[in-house]
């Protein structure tokens, strides 16, 4: 089992709109990736119309590549209350994952995306994430899931 780690965990974001969710995510991603927040917002908004999928109710995964980023970054945010996402036909989202990689990363991007998607789409993971109060709680959920999968292998 591959060790799954998000670079950024943002539990219980207080946001009432899609644009506010992107603003909070982009500020964290920008500081981590040394890319301007406005650039990250633009990448996310463009990706929302082209590269978003939802393997579970209330979950959005943005699969993004850009020539404007130098290093891969992954972020997971839970929202205090669900927010309707326009590009997802108004579906209410309360968990959002973003995988952002340089265009040049090609298959390495997919090697990071695939296990994260499987983990988030699995069983009760989203429900458990909704109950996590803080970053340590989210990390504990991922560790527990990885231990269960290792034992099953």
C-alpha atoms as a PDB file:
ATOM      1  CA  UNK A   1       0.000   0.000   0.000  1.00  0.00           C
ATOM      2  CA  UNK A   2       1.386   3.365  -1.026  1.00  0.00           C
ATOM      3  CA  UNK A   3       1.687   5.923   1.759  1.00  0.00           C
ATOM      4  CA  UNK A   4      -0.864   8.645   1.013  1.00  0.00           C
ATOM      5  CA  UNK A   5      -0.104  12.123   2.237  1.00  0.00           C
ATOM      6  CA  UNK A   6      -1.701  15.457   1.501  1.00  0.00           C
ATOM      7  CA  UNK A   7       0.703  18.398   1.610  1.00  0.00           C
ATOM      8  CA  UNK A   8      -2.006  20.694   2.963  1.00  0.00           C
ATOM      9  CA  UNK A   9      -4.908  19.815   5.258  1.00  0.00           C
ATOM     10  CA  UNK A  10      -7.549  22.448   5.917  1.00  0.00           C
ATOM     11  CA  UNK A  11     -10.236  21.174   8.281  1.00  0.00           C
ATOM     12  CA  UNK A  12     -13.593  22.872   8.681  1.00  0.00           C
ATOM     13  CA  UNK A  13     -13.180  25.890   6.406  1.00  0.00           C
ATOM     14  CA  UNK A  14     -15.826  28.539   6.998  1.00  0.00           C
ATOM     15  CA  UNK A  15     -17.015  29.514   3.527  1.00  0.00           C
ATOM     16  CA  UNK A  16     -20.403  30.298   2.032  1.00  0.00           C
ATOM     17  CA  UNK A  17     -19.367  30.373  -1.620  1.00  0.00           C
ATOM     18  CA  UNK A  18     -17.297  28.541  -4.174  1.00  0.00           C
ATOM     19  CA  UNK A  19     -15.097  31.615  -4.669  1.00  0.00           C
ATOM     20  CA  UNK A  20     -14.340  31.794  -0.927  1.00  0.00           C
ATOM     21  CA  UNK A  21     -13.399  28.093  -0.871  1.00  0.00           C
ATOM     22  CA  UNK A  22     -10.988  28.692  -3.760  1.00  0.00           C
ATOM     23  CA  UNK A  23      -9.550  31.769  -2.084  1.00  0.00           C
ATOM     24  CA  UNK A  24      -8.721  29.866   1.116  1.00  0.00           C
ATOM     25  CA  UNK A  25      -7.340  26.865  -0.782  1.00  0.00           C
ATOM     26  CA  UNK A  26      -5.324  29.078  -3.133  1.00  0.00           C
ATOM     27  CA  UNK A  27      -3.689  31.036  -0.326  1.00  0.00           C
ATOM     28  CA  UNK A  28      -2.444  27.816   1.283  1.00  0.00           C
ATOM     29  CA  UNK A  29      -1.386  26.250  -2.012  1.00  0.00           C
ATOM     30  CA  UNK A  30       0.370  29.477  -3.068  1.00  0.00           C
ATOM     31  CA  UNK A  31       2.481  29.642   0.083  1.00  0.00           C
ATOM     32  CA  UNK A  32       3.381  25.950  -0.230  1.00  0.00           C
ATOM     33  CA  UNK A  33       4.160  26.006  -3.957  1.00  0.00           C
ATOM     34  CA  UNK A  34       5.646  29.505  -4.216  1.00  0.00           C
ATOM     35  CA  UNK A  35       3.058  30.433  -6.844  1.00  0.00           C
ATOM     36  CA  UNK A  36       0.931  33.563  -6.624  1.00  0.00           C
ATOM     37  CA  UNK A  37      -2.494  33.007  -5.060  1.00  0.00           C
ATOM     38  CA  UNK A  38      -4.241  34.708  -7.986  1.00  0.00           C
ATOM     39  CA  UNK A  39      -2.563  32.265 -10.391  1.00  0.00           C
ATOM     40  CA  UNK A  40      -3.699  29.314  -8.263  1.00  0.00           C
ATOM     41  CA  UNK A  41      -7.272  30.671  -8.159  1.00  0.00           C
ATOM     42  CA  UNK A  42      -7.270  30.990 -11.947  1.00  0.00           C
ATOM     43  CA  UNK A  43      -5.964  27.426 -12.337  1.00  0.00           C
ATOM     44  CA  UNK A  44      -8.639  26.098  -9.947  1.00  0.00           C
ATOM     45  CA  UNK A  45     -11.484  27.975 -11.617  1.00  0.00           C
ATOM     46  CA  UNK A  46     -10.435  26.807 -15.071  1.00  0.00           C
ATOM     47  CA  UNK A  47      -9.959  23.259 -13.790  1.00  0.00           C
ATOM     48  CA  UNK A  48     -13.381  23.252 -12.158  1.00  0.00           C
ATOM     49  CA  UNK A  49     -15.004  23.451 -15.554  1.00  0.00           C
ATOM     50  CA  UNK A  50     -12.661  20.892 -17.140  1.00  0.00           C
ATOM     51  CA  UNK A  51     -10.933  18.614 -14.632  1.00  0.00           C
ATOM     52  CA  UNK A  52     -13.237  17.944 -11.689  1.00  0.00           C
ATOM     53  CA  UNK A  53     -14.889  14.700 -10.693  1.00  0.00           C
ATOM     54  CA  UNK A  54     -16.895  13.433  -7.758  1.00  0.00           C
ATOM     55  CA  UNK A  55     -16.421   9.764  -6.810  1.00  0.00           C
ATOM     56  CA  UNK A  56     -18.601  10.202  -3.701  1.00  0.00           C
ATOM     57  CA  UNK A  57     -21.478  12.431  -2.620  1.00  0.00           C
ATOM     58  CA  UNK A  58     -20.289  15.805  -1.381  1.00  0.00           C
ATOM     59  CA  UNK A  59     -16.722  15.241  -2.611  1.00  0.00           C
ATOM     60  CA  UNK A  60     -14.984  17.154  -5.397  1.00  0.00           C
ATOM     61  CA  UNK A  61     -11.524  16.262  -6.668  1.00  0.00           C
ATOM     62  CA  UNK A  62      -9.745  18.771  -8.872  1.00  0.00           C
ATOM     63  CA  UNK A  63      -7.124  17.114 -11.053  1.00  0.00           C
ATOM     64  CA  UNK A  64      -5.004  20.054 -12.216  1.00  0.00           C
ATOM     65  CA  UNK A  65      -1.852  20.581 -14.233  1.00  0.00           C
ATOM     66  CA  UNK A  66      -0.294  23.904 -15.092  1.00  0.00           C
ATOM     67  CA  UNK A  67       2.806  25.343 -16.668  1.00  0.00           C
ATOM     68  CA  UNK A  68       2.759  28.001 -13.925  1.00  0.00           C
ATOM     69  CA  UNK A  69       3.696  25.655 -11.064  1.00  0.00           C
ATOM     70  CA  UNK A  70       7.110  24.134 -10.450  1.00  0.00           C
ATOM     71  CA  UNK A  71       6.312  21.427  -7.876  1.00  0.00           C
ATOM     72  CA  UNK A  72       3.341  19.180  -7.205  1.00  0.00           C
ATOM     73  CA  UNK A  73       1.086  20.012  -4.309  1.00  0.00           C
ATOM     74  CA  UNK A  74      -1.955  18.259  -2.888  1.00  0.00           C
ATOM     75  CA  UNK A  75      -4.539  19.778  -0.609  1.00  0.00           C
ATOM     76  CA  UNK A  76      -7.593  18.473   1.191  1.00  0.00           C
ATOM     77  CA  UNK A  77     -10.200  20.714   2.757  1.00  0.00           C
ATOM     78  CA  UNK A  78     -13.367  19.965   4.644  1.00  0.00           C
ATOM     79  CA  UNK A  79     -16.014  22.652   4.810  1.00  0.00           C
ATOM     80  CA  UNK A  80     -17.985  23.622   7.881  1.00  0.00           C
ATOM     81  CA  UNK A  81     -21.150  23.699   5.762  1.00  0.00           C
ATOM     82  CA  UNK A  82     -21.713  22.407   2.217  1.00  0.00           C
ATOM     83  CA  UNK A  83     -21.224  24.877  -0.647  1.00  0.00           C
ATOM     84  CA  UNK A  84     -22.874  24.564  -4.060  1.00  0.00           C
ATOM     85  CA  UNK A  85     -20.382  24.300  -6.917  1.00  0.00           C
ATOM     86  CA  UNK A  86     -21.661  25.748 -10.185  1.00  0.00           C
ATOM     87  CA  UNK A  87     -19.618  23.539 -12.517  1.00  0.00           C
ATOM     88  CA  UNK A  88     -20.925  20.467 -10.717  1.00  0.00           C
ATOM     89  CA  UNK A  89     -24.542  21.311 -11.573  1.00  0.00           C
ATOM     90  CA  UNK A  90     -25.083  22.953  -8.208  1.00  0.00           C
ATOM     91  CA  UNK A  91     -24.041  19.887  -6.224  1.00  0.00           C
ATOM     92  CA  UNK A  92     -23.283  20.726  -2.597  1.00  0.00           C
ATOM     93  CA  UNK A  93     -19.671  19.972  -1.703  1.00  0.00           C
ATOM     94  CA  UNK A  94     -18.226  19.718   1.788  1.00  0.00           C
ATOM     95  CA  UNK A  95     -14.931  17.947   0.969  1.00  0.00           C
ATOM     96  CA  UNK A  96     -12.573  19.121  -1.740  1.00  0.00           C
ATOM     97  CA  UNK A  97      -9.229  17.686  -2.787  1.00  0.00           C
ATOM     98  CA  UNK A  98      -6.866  19.450  -5.163  1.00  0.00           C
ATOM     99  CA  UNK A  99      -3.936  17.821  -6.915  1.00  0.00           C
ATOM    100  CA  UNK A 100      -1.862  20.441  -8.752  1.00  0.00           C
ATOM    101  CA  UNK A 101       1.204  19.450 -10.766  1.00  0.00           C
ATOM    102  CA  UNK A 102       3.441  20.946 -13.416  1.00  0.00           C
ATOM    103  CA  UNK A 103       2.442  19.868 -16.925  1.00  0.00           C
ATOM    104  CA  UNK A 104       5.854  18.223 -17.261  1.00  0.00           C
ATOM    105  CA  UNK A 105       5.106  15.712 -14.459  1.00  0.00           C
ATOM    106  CA  UNK A 106       3.000  13.537 -16.766  1.00  0.00           C
ATOM    107  CA  UNK A 107       2.525  10.068 -15.229  1.00  0.00           C
ATOM    108  CA  UNK A 108       3.907  11.111 -11.823  1.00  0.00           C
ATOM    109  CA  UNK A 109       0.792  13.235 -11.395  1.00  0.00           C
ATOM    110  CA  UNK A 110      -1.410  10.163 -11.910  1.00  0.00           C
ATOM    111  CA  UNK A 111       0.673   8.132  -9.463  1.00  0.00           C
ATOM    112  CA  UNK A 112      -0.279  10.650  -6.789  1.00  0.00           C
ATOM    113  CA  UNK A 113      -3.882  11.150  -7.916  1.00  0.00           C
ATOM    114  CA  UNK A 114      -4.961   7.503  -8.204  1.00  0.00           C
ATOM    115  CA  UNK A 115      -4.342   6.333  -4.609  1.00  0.00           C
ATOM    116  CA  UNK A 116      -5.823   9.544  -3.181  1.00  0.00           C
ATOM    117  CA  UNK A 117      -8.946   9.081  -5.259  1.00  0.00           C
ATOM    118  CA  UNK A 118      -9.295   5.446  -4.174  1.00  0.00           C
ATOM    119  CA  UNK A 119      -8.858   6.411  -0.524  1.00  0.00           C
ATOM    120  CA  UNK A 120     -11.423   9.215  -0.652  1.00  0.00           C
ATOM    121  CA  UNK A 121     -13.958   7.148  -2.613  1.00  0.00           C
ATOM    122  CA  UNK A 122     -13.673   4.196  -0.263  1.00  0.00           C
ATOM    123  CA  UNK A 123     -16.471   3.235   2.071  1.00  0.00           C
ATOM    124  CA  UNK A 124     -17.069   5.617   4.904  1.00  0.00           C
ATOM    125  CA  UNK A 125     -13.952   7.784   4.481  1.00  0.00           C
ATOM    126  CA  UNK A 126     -15.888  10.918   3.501  1.00  0.00           C
ATOM    127  CA  UNK A 127     -18.267  10.485   6.418  1.00  0.00           C
ATOM    128  CA  UNK A 128     -15.321  10.081   8.789  1.00  0.00           C
ATOM    129  CA  UNK A 129     -13.620  13.178   7.327  1.00  0.00           C
ATOM    130  CA  UNK A 130     -16.776  15.195   7.947  1.00  0.00           C
ATOM    131  CA  UNK A 131     -16.498  14.302  11.628  1.00  0.00           C
ATOM    132  CA  UNK A 132     -12.807  15.176  11.958  1.00  0.00           C
ATOM    133  CA  UNK A 133     -12.346  18.280  14.077  1.00  0.00           C
ATOM    134  CA  UNK A 134      -8.776  19.186  13.164  1.00  0.00           C
ATOM    135  CA  UNK A 135      -5.704  18.318  11.109  1.00  0.00           C
ATOM    136  CA  UNK A 136      -4.574  15.619  13.557  1.00  0.00           C
ATOM    137  CA  UNK A 137      -7.986  13.960  13.318  1.00  0.00           C
ATOM    138  CA  UNK A 138      -7.719  13.820   9.522  1.00  0.00           C
ATOM    139  CA  UNK A 139      -4.185  12.417   9.691  1.00  0.00           C
ATOM    140  CA  UNK A 140      -5.359   9.736  12.132  1.00  0.00           C
ATOM    141  CA  UNK A 141      -8.134   8.691   9.736  1.00  0.00           C
ATOM    142  CA  UNK A 142      -5.671   8.281   6.863  1.00  0.00           C
ATOM    143  CA  UNK A 143      -3.230   6.344   9.029  1.00  0.00           C
ATOM    144  CA  UNK A 144      -5.983   4.045  10.283  1.00  0.00           C
ATOM    145  CA  UNK A 145      -7.186   3.376   6.724  1.00  0.00           C
ATOM    146  CA  UNK A 146      -3.661   2.629   5.512  1.00  0.00           C
ATOM    147  CA  UNK A 147      -3.103   0.209   8.404  1.00  0.00           C
ATOM    148  CA  UNK A 148      -6.360  -1.601   7.579  1.00  0.00           C
ATOM    149  CA  UNK A 149      -5.377  -1.920   3.926  1.00  0.00           C
ATOM    150  CA  UNK A 150      -1.885  -3.164   4.839  1.00  0.00           C
ATOM    151  CA  UNK A 151      -3.363  -5.834   7.090  1.00  0.00           C
ATOM    152  CA  UNK A 152      -5.750  -6.949   4.335  1.00  0.00           C
ATOM    153  CA  UNK A 153      -2.910  -7.298   1.800  1.00  0.00           C
END
